[in-house]
């Protein structure tokens, strides 16, 4: 492990551990890794609520500050909608931005940070981070986990072409241009940042790592097969957040089309605002079961349970986000069937280790599941390739190294290094 000069970092971000999936585990993991490497970190974050969109009982209340794994964290109260429509999501993000400002200002004055790091979502909270950076005269680093404006268009939360869409795009562009560094989690998303006007020399790819790879390596999935009545079945698994942008209806249609295959079992393990609707759509299907989101200690067993992983996405969303769970799915050594256009980030990641079909094509999706289910040798070959890709491209140490390298270059104490995963003009 390399050692960079110790730095003081102020982090502002809505999602954080103990949220088990999504952005939270990666923000927490990065900050904790930086503390382990000798940096000091203060974090201003939201109260945990994801993916259930319900505040965790033990975190309810006003602002609370404590130290977790070396990171001093202030958790801020904010509004959490039970039904996160477009307008309610906006109110949710605005409430966090408003709540985060007082503790962020206090930390800036007391801590004297050298760098402000913030994560989108929530882009609405970026002005708070930008103000802290300007007042302190230090750089602002904006990390994009999800281009949320584009995702809102893709999922219908915001209609394209109206005044609200225009205002959202202008705001996003201003925030992107305000940052000294804009990082994001895939090369196509880096290209998108450049297309939105971010100077190319400010863009760097800092992807999410396979954060359950160590658990998957030790897991078998046999206990869950017995518990869930899946022995002797070929298991087709979707795990994670159940929201609008996944387009999970295609999986219900595939399960219906393959209803005569008694050896196939579809499993949906997760939580989210779209789960109840999906369960209604799956009513009467004997070959699909819904299971709760599994705790971290069982995620390895869950991923190992699968013979085939599913990664559906709506059209237009596949280049706006590279799902963080993809690294863990690759590390499981099982093949993946995804819906994405050729050349998207997801499509490129799955070359040689999965199958990509057009979004919203249930016939192609079902056909791919059926074909792969009948070819265990092909599944094994694709799975081995996926595990190798996870080890090479989804390693936590390499990703934290890349962050430190760019931070040192940004703060002016080291020559610009050759940074893994960085985006340059040659990436076009």
Protein backbone atom coordinates (compact mmCIF):
# COMPACT_ATOMS: atom_id res chain seq x y z
CA UNK A 1 0.00 0.00 0.00
CA UNK A 2 1.38 3.40 -1.02
CA UNK A 3 1.44 6.37 1.32
CA UNK A 4 0.50 9.89 0.21
CA UNK A 5 0.97 13.04 2.25
CA UNK A 6 -1.73 13.14 4.98
CA UNK A 7 -4.60 15.44 4.03
CA UNK A 8 -7.65 16.91 5.74
CA UNK A 9 -10.84 16.14 3.81
CA UNK A 10 -14.38 17.44 4.33
CA UNK A 11 -16.94 15.07 2.83
CA UNK A 12 -20.57 16.03 2.15
CA UNK A 13 -22.93 13.32 0.91
CA UNK A 14 -26.48 12.16 1.50
CA UNK A 15 -25.92 8.38 1.61
CA UNK A 16 -23.62 6.53 3.98
CA UNK A 17 -23.29 3.24 5.83
CA UNK A 18 -25.17 1.45 7.43
CA UNK A 19 -27.21 1.66 4.22
CA UNK A 20 -26.33 -1.78 2.80
CA UNK A 21 -26.48 -1.09 -0.94
CA UNK A 22 -26.20 1.80 -3.36
CA UNK A 23 -23.92 4.77 -2.78
CA UNK A 24 -23.61 4.53 1.01
CA UNK A 25 -21.21 1.57 1.33
CA UNK A 26 -18.83 3.07 -1.24
CA UNK A 27 -18.70 6.54 0.30
CA UNK A 28 -18.07 4.99 3.69
CA UNK A 29 -15.52 2.52 2.32
CA UNK A 30 -13.52 5.23 0.54
CA UNK A 31 -13.41 7.52 3.58
CA UNK A 32 -12.43 4.67 5.90
CA UNK A 33 -9.69 3.57 3.50
CA UNK A 34 -8.34 7.13 3.42
CA UNK A 35 -8.28 7.25 7.23
CA UNK A 36 -6.39 3.94 7.26
CA UNK A 37 -3.82 5.57 4.98
CA UNK A 38 -3.26 8.45 7.38
CA UNK A 39 -5.69 11.12 6.17
CA UNK A 40 -8.14 12.95 8.44
CA UNK A 41 -11.77 12.95 7.34
CA UNK A 42 -14.87 14.75 8.59
CA UNK A 43 -18.16 13.69 7.01
CA UNK A 44 -21.53 15.46 6.89
CA UNK A 45 -24.12 12.90 5.77
CA UNK A 46 -27.83 12.13 5.86
CA UNK A 47 -29.71 9.82 8.14
CA UNK A 48 -29.85 6.29 6.66
CA UNK A 49 -33.06 5.42 4.82
CA UNK A 50 -32.11 3.50 1.66
CA UNK A 51 -33.26 1.29 -0.06
CA UNK A 52 -36.53 1.07 1.89
CA UNK A 53 -37.10 4.87 1.73
CA UNK A 54 -37.80 4.75 5.45
CA UNK A 55 -35.64 6.26 8.18
CA UNK A 56 -33.80 3.73 10.31
CA UNK A 57 -35.37 3.91 13.75
CA UNK A 58 -32.15 4.23 15.76
CA UNK A 59 -30.96 7.22 13.69
CA UNK A 60 -34.09 9.34 13.97
CA UNK A 61 -33.81 12.72 15.63
CA UNK A 62 -31.71 15.84 15.26
CA UNK A 63 -28.07 16.27 14.24
CA UNK A 64 -25.77 13.68 15.80
CA UNK A 65 -21.98 13.46 15.66
CA UNK A 66 -19.84 10.42 16.44
CA UNK A 67 -16.74 8.61 15.19
CA UNK A 68 -17.19 5.49 13.05
CA UNK A 69 -14.11 3.55 11.94
CA UNK A 70 -11.94 6.62 12.28
CA UNK A 71 -14.25 9.01 10.43
CA UNK A 72 -15.95 11.79 12.43
CA UNK A 73 -19.51 11.79 11.09
CA UNK A 74 -22.34 14.28 11.55
CA UNK A 75 -25.72 12.83 10.52
CA UNK A 76 -28.31 15.41 9.47
CA UNK A 77 -32.10 15.11 9.72
CA UNK A 78 -33.99 15.32 6.42
CA UNK A 79 -37.29 14.53 4.75
CA UNK A 80 -37.76 11.00 3.38
CA UNK A 81 -40.79 10.42 1.12
CA UNK A 82 -42.51 7.06 1.34
CA UNK A 83 -43.36 7.36 -2.37
CA UNK A 84 -40.35 9.06 -4.04
CA UNK A 85 -41.97 10.80 -7.01
CA UNK A 86 -40.07 13.49 -8.88
CA UNK A 87 -41.26 16.45 -6.79
CA UNK A 88 -40.86 14.54 -3.52
CA UNK A 89 -37.32 13.47 -4.43
CA UNK A 90 -36.49 17.11 -5.04
CA UNK A 91 -37.89 18.05 -1.62
CA UNK A 92 -35.91 15.16 -0.12
CA UNK A 93 -32.64 16.43 -1.63
CA UNK A 94 -33.37 20.06 -0.75
CA UNK A 95 -34.05 19.14 2.85
CA UNK A 96 -30.66 17.41 3.12
CA UNK A 97 -28.87 20.39 1.55
CA UNK A 98 -30.52 22.76 4.02
CA UNK A 99 -29.78 20.48 6.97
CA UNK A 100 -26.16 19.87 5.93
CA UNK A 101 -25.17 23.53 5.69
CA UNK A 102 -24.79 24.39 9.43
CA UNK A 103 -22.59 21.39 10.34
CA UNK A 104 -20.57 21.72 7.13
CA UNK A 105 -19.85 25.37 7.98
CA UNK A 106 -18.86 24.44 11.54
CA UNK A 107 -16.52 21.70 10.31
CA UNK A 108 -14.94 24.07 7.77
CA UNK A 109 -14.16 26.62 10.46
CA UNK A 110 -12.89 24.16 13.06
CA UNK A 111 -11.21 21.54 10.86
CA UNK A 112 -9.54 23.75 8.21
CA UNK A 113 -9.88 21.17 5.40
CA UNK A 114 -7.62 21.01 2.36
CA UNK A 115 -10.22 19.41 0.06
CA UNK A 116 -14.02 19.28 -0.11
CA UNK A 117 -15.38 16.03 -1.56
CA UNK A 118 -19.05 15.64 -2.41
CA UNK A 119 -21.14 12.96 -4.12
CA UNK A 120 -24.09 13.16 -6.51
CA UNK A 121 -26.75 12.14 -5.90
CA UNK A 122 -27.51 14.53 -4.39
CA UNK A 123 -26.55 17.18 -6.96
CA UNK A 124 -28.85 19.56 -5.07
CA UNK A 125 -26.39 19.49 -2.14
CA UNK A 126 -23.39 20.43 -4.32
CA UNK A 127 -23.92 24.20 -3.77
CA UNK A 128 -23.29 23.59 -0.05
CA UNK A 129 -20.01 21.84 -0.83
CA UNK A 130 -19.07 24.51 -3.38
CA UNK A 131 -19.64 27.27 -0.85
CA UNK A 132 -17.49 25.49 1.73
CA UNK A 133 -14.69 25.14 -0.83
CA UNK A 134 -14.90 28.78 -1.93
CA UNK A 135 -14.94 30.11 1.63
CA UNK A 136 -11.91 27.98 2.53
CA UNK A 137 -10.09 28.72 -0.74
CA UNK A 138 -9.62 25.00 -1.46
CA UNK A 139 -10.53 22.65 -4.34
CA UNK A 140 -13.93 21.02 -4.80
CA UNK A 141 -14.09 17.39 -5.93
CA UNK A 142 -17.46 16.22 -7.26
CA UNK A 143 -17.95 12.46 -7.60
CA UNK A 144 -20.86 11.38 -9.82
CA UNK A 145 -22.41 8.05 -8.89
CA UNK A 146 -25.49 8.72 -10.98
CA UNK A 147 -26.33 11.45 -13.52
CA UNK A 148 -29.63 11.92 -11.77
CA UNK A 149 -31.15 14.43 -14.19
CA UNK A 150 -30.70 12.05 -17.13
CA UNK A 151 -31.91 9.14 -15.01
CA UNK A 152 -35.01 11.17 -14.10
CA UNK A 153 -35.71 11.66 -17.81
CA UNK A 154 -35.14 7.96 -18.55
CA UNK A 155 -37.52 6.82 -15.81
CA UNK A 156 -40.18 9.49 -16.40
CA UNK A 157 -39.71 11.31 -13.09
CA UNK A 158 -39.11 14.51 -15.09
CA UNK A 159 -40.63 15.09 -18.52
CA UNK A 160 -38.18 16.12 -21.22
CA UNK A 161 -38.52 19.45 -22.99
CA UNK A 162 -40.37 21.41 -20.31
CA UNK A 163 -39.32 24.27 -18.07
CA UNK A 164 -38.47 21.93 -15.20
CA UNK A 165 -36.21 19.83 -17.45
CA UNK A 166 -34.46 22.92 -18.77
CA UNK A 167 -33.87 24.29 -15.28
CA UNK A 168 -32.56 20.93 -14.04
CA UNK A 169 -30.07 20.67 -16.92
CA UNK A 170 -28.82 24.24 -16.39
CA UNK A 171 -28.34 23.61 -12.68
CA UNK A 172 -26.49 20.36 -13.34
CA UNK A 173 -24.18 22.07 -15.82
CA UNK A 174 -23.34 24.86 -13.36
CA UNK A 175 -22.50 22.37 -10.63
CA UNK A 176 -20.32 20.27 -12.94
CA UNK A 177 -18.38 23.33 -14.05
CA UNK A 178 -17.92 24.53 -10.46
CA UNK A 179 -15.83 21.51 -9.51
CA UNK A 180 -12.05 21.34 -9.82
CA UNK A 181 -12.28 17.57 -10.34
CA UNK A 182 -15.27 15.62 -11.61
CA UNK A 183 -14.94 11.87 -11.14
CA UNK A 184 -17.43 9.24 -12.12
CA UNK A 185 -17.69 5.47 -12.22
CA UNK A 186 -17.31 4.43 -15.87
CA UNK A 187 -15.61 5.58 -19.05
CA UNK A 188 -18.92 6.30 -20.89
CA UNK A 189 -20.00 8.43 -17.91
CA UNK A 190 -16.69 10.31 -18.19
CA UNK A 191 -17.49 10.99 -21.84
CA UNK A 192 -20.92 12.22 -20.82
CA UNK A 193 -19.36 14.63 -18.31
CA UNK A 194 -17.17 16.00 -21.11
CA UNK A 195 -20.23 16.37 -23.35
CA UNK A 196 -21.87 18.39 -20.58
CA UNK A 197 -19.02 20.89 -20.69
CA UNK A 198 -16.56 19.66 -18.06
CA UNK A 199 -12.96 20.27 -19.26
CA UNK A 200 -11.38 16.92 -20.03
CA UNK A 201 -8.36 17.53 -17.84
CA UNK A 202 -10.70 17.73 -14.82
CA UNK A 203 -12.35 14.33 -15.43
CA UNK A 204 -11.20 11.06 -13.86
CA UNK A 205 -12.78 7.62 -13.61
CA UNK A 206 -13.03 6.38 -10.02
CA UNK A 207 -15.24 3.34 -10.16
CA UNK A 208 -16.82 1.38 -7.33
CA UNK A 209 -15.05 -1.78 -6.22
CA UNK A 210 -16.35 -5.31 -5.67
CA UNK A 211 -17.03 -4.80 -1.98
CA UNK A 212 -18.26 -8.34 -1.33
CA UNK A 213 -15.62 -10.19 -3.34
CA UNK A 214 -14.04 -11.68 -0.20
CA UNK A 215 -17.39 -13.04 0.99
CA UNK A 216 -18.25 -14.49 -2.42
CA UNK A 217 -14.94 -16.35 -2.55
CA UNK A 218 -15.88 -18.25 0.62
CA UNK A 219 -19.58 -18.80 -0.14
CA UNK A 220 -21.51 -21.68 -1.68
CA UNK A 221 -25.19 -20.69 -1.62
CA UNK A 222 -26.18 -24.23 -0.58
CA UNK A 223 -27.82 -23.16 2.68
CA UNK A 224 -30.07 -20.66 0.89
CA UNK A 225 -30.97 -23.25 -1.74
CA UNK A 226 -32.20 -25.56 1.00
CA UNK A 227 -33.93 -22.78 2.94
CA UNK A 228 -35.74 -21.40 -0.11
CA UNK A 229 -36.63 -24.75 -1.70
CA UNK A 230 -34.36 -24.34 -4.72
CA UNK A 231 -32.41 -27.61 -4.68
CA UNK A 232 -32.08 -29.06 -8.16
CA UNK A 233 -33.11 -25.78 -9.80
CA UNK A 234 -31.20 -23.47 -12.11
CA UNK A 235 -31.49 -20.17 -10.22
CA UNK A 236 -31.90 -16.90 -12.11
CA UNK A 237 -31.27 -14.07 -9.61
CA UNK A 238 -31.93 -10.36 -9.44
CA UNK A 239 -30.57 -8.75 -6.26
CA UNK A 240 -30.45 -5.16 -5.05
CA UNK A 241 -32.56 -2.05 -5.28
CA UNK A 242 -36.04 -2.41 -6.74
CA UNK A 243 -36.74 0.99 -8.26
CA UNK A 244 -37.94 2.46 -11.54
CA UNK A 245 -34.68 2.69 -13.47
CA UNK A 246 -34.06 -1.08 -13.54
CA UNK A 247 -37.07 -1.88 -15.72
CA UNK A 248 -37.58 -5.10 -13.76
CA UNK A 249 -40.91 -5.79 -15.44
CA UNK A 250 -38.91 -7.51 -18.19
CA UNK A 251 -37.91 -10.18 -15.69
CA UNK A 252 -41.55 -10.88 -14.78
CA UNK A 253 -42.34 -11.25 -18.49
CA UNK A 254 -39.41 -13.64 -18.93
CA UNK A 255 -40.54 -15.73 -15.96
CA UNK A 256 -44.02 -15.92 -17.47
CA UNK A 257 -42.64 -16.91 -20.89
CA UNK A 258 -40.54 -19.67 -19.30
CA UNK A 259 -43.26 -20.93 -16.98
CA UNK A 260 -43.10 -24.44 -18.46
CA UNK A 261 -39.46 -24.87 -17.42
CA UNK A 262 -39.88 -26.55 -14.05
CA UNK A 263 -36.09 -26.66 -13.59
CA UNK A 264 -35.84 -22.83 -13.67
CA UNK A 265 -36.45 -20.63 -10.62
CA UNK A 266 -36.43 -16.82 -10.61
CA UNK A 267 -35.48 -15.07 -7.37
CA UNK A 268 -35.81 -11.35 -6.62
CA UNK A 269 -33.93 -10.34 -3.46
CA UNK A 270 -34.14 -6.69 -2.49
CA UNK A 271 -36.17 -3.71 -1.39
CA UNK A 272 -37.34 -0.51 -2.98
CA UNK A 273 -40.34 1.59 -3.99
CA UNK A 274 -41.25 -0.65 -6.95
CA UNK A 275 -41.29 -3.99 -5.13
CA UNK A 276 -45.00 -4.11 -4.27
CA UNK A 277 -45.92 -3.38 -7.89
CA UNK A 278 -43.60 -6.12 -9.16
CA UNK A 279 -45.09 -8.63 -6.73
CA UNK A 280 -48.55 -7.80 -8.05
CA UNK A 281 -47.35 -8.27 -11.64
CA UNK A 282 -45.87 -11.66 -10.70
CA UNK A 283 -49.08 -12.85 -9.08
CA UNK A 284 -49.89 -16.43 -10.07
CA UNK A 285 -46.38 -17.29 -11.29
CA UNK A 286 -45.05 -20.41 -9.55
CA UNK A 287 -41.49 -20.01 -10.82
CA UNK A 288 -40.65 -16.70 -9.11
CA UNK A 289 -40.15 -15.81 -5.46
CA UNK A 290 -39.41 -12.53 -3.70
CA UNK A 291 -36.97 -12.38 -0.80
CA UNK A 292 -35.87 -9.56 1.47
CA UNK A 293 -32.58 -7.78 1.03
CA UNK A 294 -29.94 -9.98 2.67
CA UNK A 295 -27.66 -8.66 5.45
CA UNK A 296 -23.98 -8.07 4.53
CA UNK A 297 -22.84 -11.34 6.09
CA UNK A 298 -25.17 -13.28 3.75
CA UNK A 299 -24.52 -11.37 0.52
CA UNK A 300 -21.79 -13.80 -0.52
CA UNK A 301 -24.16 -16.75 -0.10
CA UNK A 302 -26.85 -14.91 -2.06
CA UNK A 303 -24.54 -14.18 -4.99
CA UNK A 304 -23.25 -17.76 -4.95
CA UNK A 305 -26.85 -19.03 -4.99
CA UNK A 306 -27.26 -17.78 -8.56
CA UNK A 307 -26.53 -19.79 -11.66
CA UNK A 308 -27.34 -16.69 -13.75
CA UNK A 309 -27.43 -13.05 -12.61
CA UNK A 310 -29.84 -10.56 -14.18
CA UNK A 311 -29.06 -6.88 -14.67
CA UNK A 312 -31.99 -5.18 -16.42
CA UNK A 313 -31.88 -1.44 -17.15
CA UNK A 314 -34.26 0.89 -18.95
CA UNK A 315 -33.14 2.32 -22.29
CA UNK A 316 -31.19 5.53 -21.75
CA UNK A 317 -30.15 4.55 -18.21
CA UNK A 318 -27.30 2.16 -19.02
CA UNK A 319 -24.81 4.97 -19.72
CA UNK A 320 -26.04 7.18 -16.88
CA UNK A 321 -25.00 4.74 -14.17
CA UNK A 322 -22.71 1.72 -13.86
CA UNK A 323 -24.38 -0.32 -11.11
CA UNK A 324 -22.00 -0.84 -8.20
CA UNK A 325 -23.32 -4.36 -7.69
CA UNK A 326 -21.90 -5.34 -11.09
CA UNK A 327 -18.43 -5.82 -9.58
CA UNK A 328 -19.78 -8.24 -6.99
CA UNK A 329 -21.77 -10.12 -9.62
CA UNK A 330 -18.62 -10.54 -11.71
CA UNK A 331 -16.65 -11.63 -8.63
CA UNK A 332 -19.21 -14.37 -7.97
CA UNK A 333 -18.02 -16.28 -11.04
CA UNK A 334 -21.53 -16.48 -12.50
CA UNK A 335 -22.58 -15.15 -15.92
CA UNK A 336 -24.71 -12.03 -16.22
CA UNK A 337 -27.53 -11.21 -18.61
CA UNK A 338 -28.01 -7.45 -18.92
CA UNK A 339 -30.24 -5.19 -20.98
CA UNK A 340 -28.11 -2.49 -22.58
CA UNK A 341 -27.14 -1.09 -25.94
CA UNK A 342 -23.85 -2.09 -27.51
CA UNK A 343 -21.01 0.24 -26.54
CA UNK A 344 -22.53 1.36 -23.25
CA UNK A 345 -20.58 1.02 -20.03
CA UNK A 346 -22.51 -2.09 -19.03
CA UNK A 347 -22.13 -3.57 -22.50
CA UNK A 348 -18.36 -3.09 -22.45
CA UNK A 349 -17.97 -4.53 -18.97
CA UNK A 350 -19.77 -7.72 -19.97
CA UNK A 351 -17.82 -8.45 -23.14
CA UNK A 352 -16.61 -12.02 -22.76
CA UNK A 353 -18.26 -12.62 -19.39
CA UNK A 354 -21.96 -12.10 -19.98
CA UNK A 355 -24.79 -11.60 -22.43
CA UNK A 356 -26.22 -8.23 -23.47
CA UNK A 357 -29.68 -7.92 -25.02
CA UNK A 358 -31.62 -4.81 -26.11
CA UNK A 359 -33.55 -3.02 -23.36
CA UNK A 360 -37.29 -3.66 -23.20
CA UNK A 361 -37.12 -6.78 -25.40
CA UNK A 362 -38.65 -9.50 -23.20
CA UNK A 363 -38.47 -12.13 -25.96
CA UNK A 364 -34.69 -11.68 -26.35
CA UNK A 365 -34.29 -11.57 -22.57
CA UNK A 366 -36.24 -14.81 -22.06
CA UNK A 367 -34.44 -16.51 -24.98
CA UNK A 368 -31.03 -15.61 -23.51
CA UNK A 369 -32.03 -16.98 -20.10
CA UNK A 370 -33.26 -20.22 -21.65
CA UNK A 371 -30.16 -20.69 -23.82
CA UNK A 372 -27.72 -19.97 -21.00
CA UNK A 373 -29.63 -22.20 -18.58
CA UNK A 374 -29.07 -25.17 -20.92
CA UNK A 375 -25.31 -24.64 -21.28
CA UNK A 376 -23.47 -25.18 -17.97
CA UNK A 377 -20.04 -25.20 -19.65
CA UNK A 378 -20.68 -21.82 -21.23
CA UNK A 379 -21.88 -20.48 -17.89
CA UNK A 380 -18.69 -21.71 -16.23
CA UNK A 381 -16.49 -20.12 -18.91
CA UNK A 382 -18.25 -16.76 -18.75
CA UNK A 383 -18.15 -16.90 -14.94
CA UNK A 384 -14.39 -17.48 -14.86
CA UNK A 385 -13.86 -14.53 -17.20
CA UNK A 386 -16.06 -12.37 -14.98
CA UNK A 387 -14.10 -13.28 -11.86
CA UNK A 388 -10.86 -12.35 -13.62
CA UNK A 389 -12.31 -9.02 -14.72
CA UNK A 390 -13.46 -8.25 -11.19
CA UNK A 391 -9.95 -8.89 -9.86
CA UNK A 392 -8.34 -6.64 -12.48
CA UNK A 393 -10.79 -3.74 -12.79
CA UNK A 394 -12.77 -3.72 -9.54
CA UNK A 395 -9.96 -3.86 -6.94
CA UNK A 396 -10.43 -1.56 -3.96
CA UNK A 397 -6.71 -0.92 -3.41
CA UNK A 398 -6.19 0.17 -7.04
CA UNK A 399 -9.22 2.46 -6.89
CA UNK A 400 -8.15 4.13 -3.63
CA UNK A 401 -4.64 4.50 -5.10
CA UNK A 402 -6.16 6.32 -8.08
CA UNK A 403 -8.06 8.66 -5.76
CA UNK A 404 -4.92 9.47 -3.76
CA UNK A 405 -2.87 10.06 -6.90
CA UNK A 406 -5.36 12.56 -8.29
CA UNK A 407 -5.74 14.25 -4.92
CA UNK A 408 -1.99 14.77 -4.66
CA UNK A 409 -1.86 16.17 -8.19
CA UNK A 410 -4.81 18.45 -7.43
CA UNK A 411 -3.29 19.83 -4.24
CA UNK A 412 -0.06 20.65 -6.02
CA UNK A 413 2.58 18.72 -4.10
CA UNK A 414 3.31 16.05 -6.67
CA UNK A 415 3.80 15.86 -10.40
CA UNK A 416 0.75 14.64 -12.33
CA UNK A 417 1.03 10.82 -12.20
CA UNK A 418 -0.22 8.27 -14.66
CA UNK A 419 -3.57 7.51 -13.07
CA UNK A 420 -5.41 4.22 -13.56
CA UNK A 421 -8.90 4.65 -15.00
CA UNK A 422 -8.39 8.34 -15.93
CA UNK A 423 -10.27 9.81 -18.86
CA UNK A 424 -8.32 11.58 -21.58
CA UNK A 425 -9.02 12.76 -25.11
CA UNK A 426 -7.81 9.39 -26.43
CA UNK A 427 -10.79 7.71 -24.72
CA UNK A 428 -13.16 8.95 -27.44
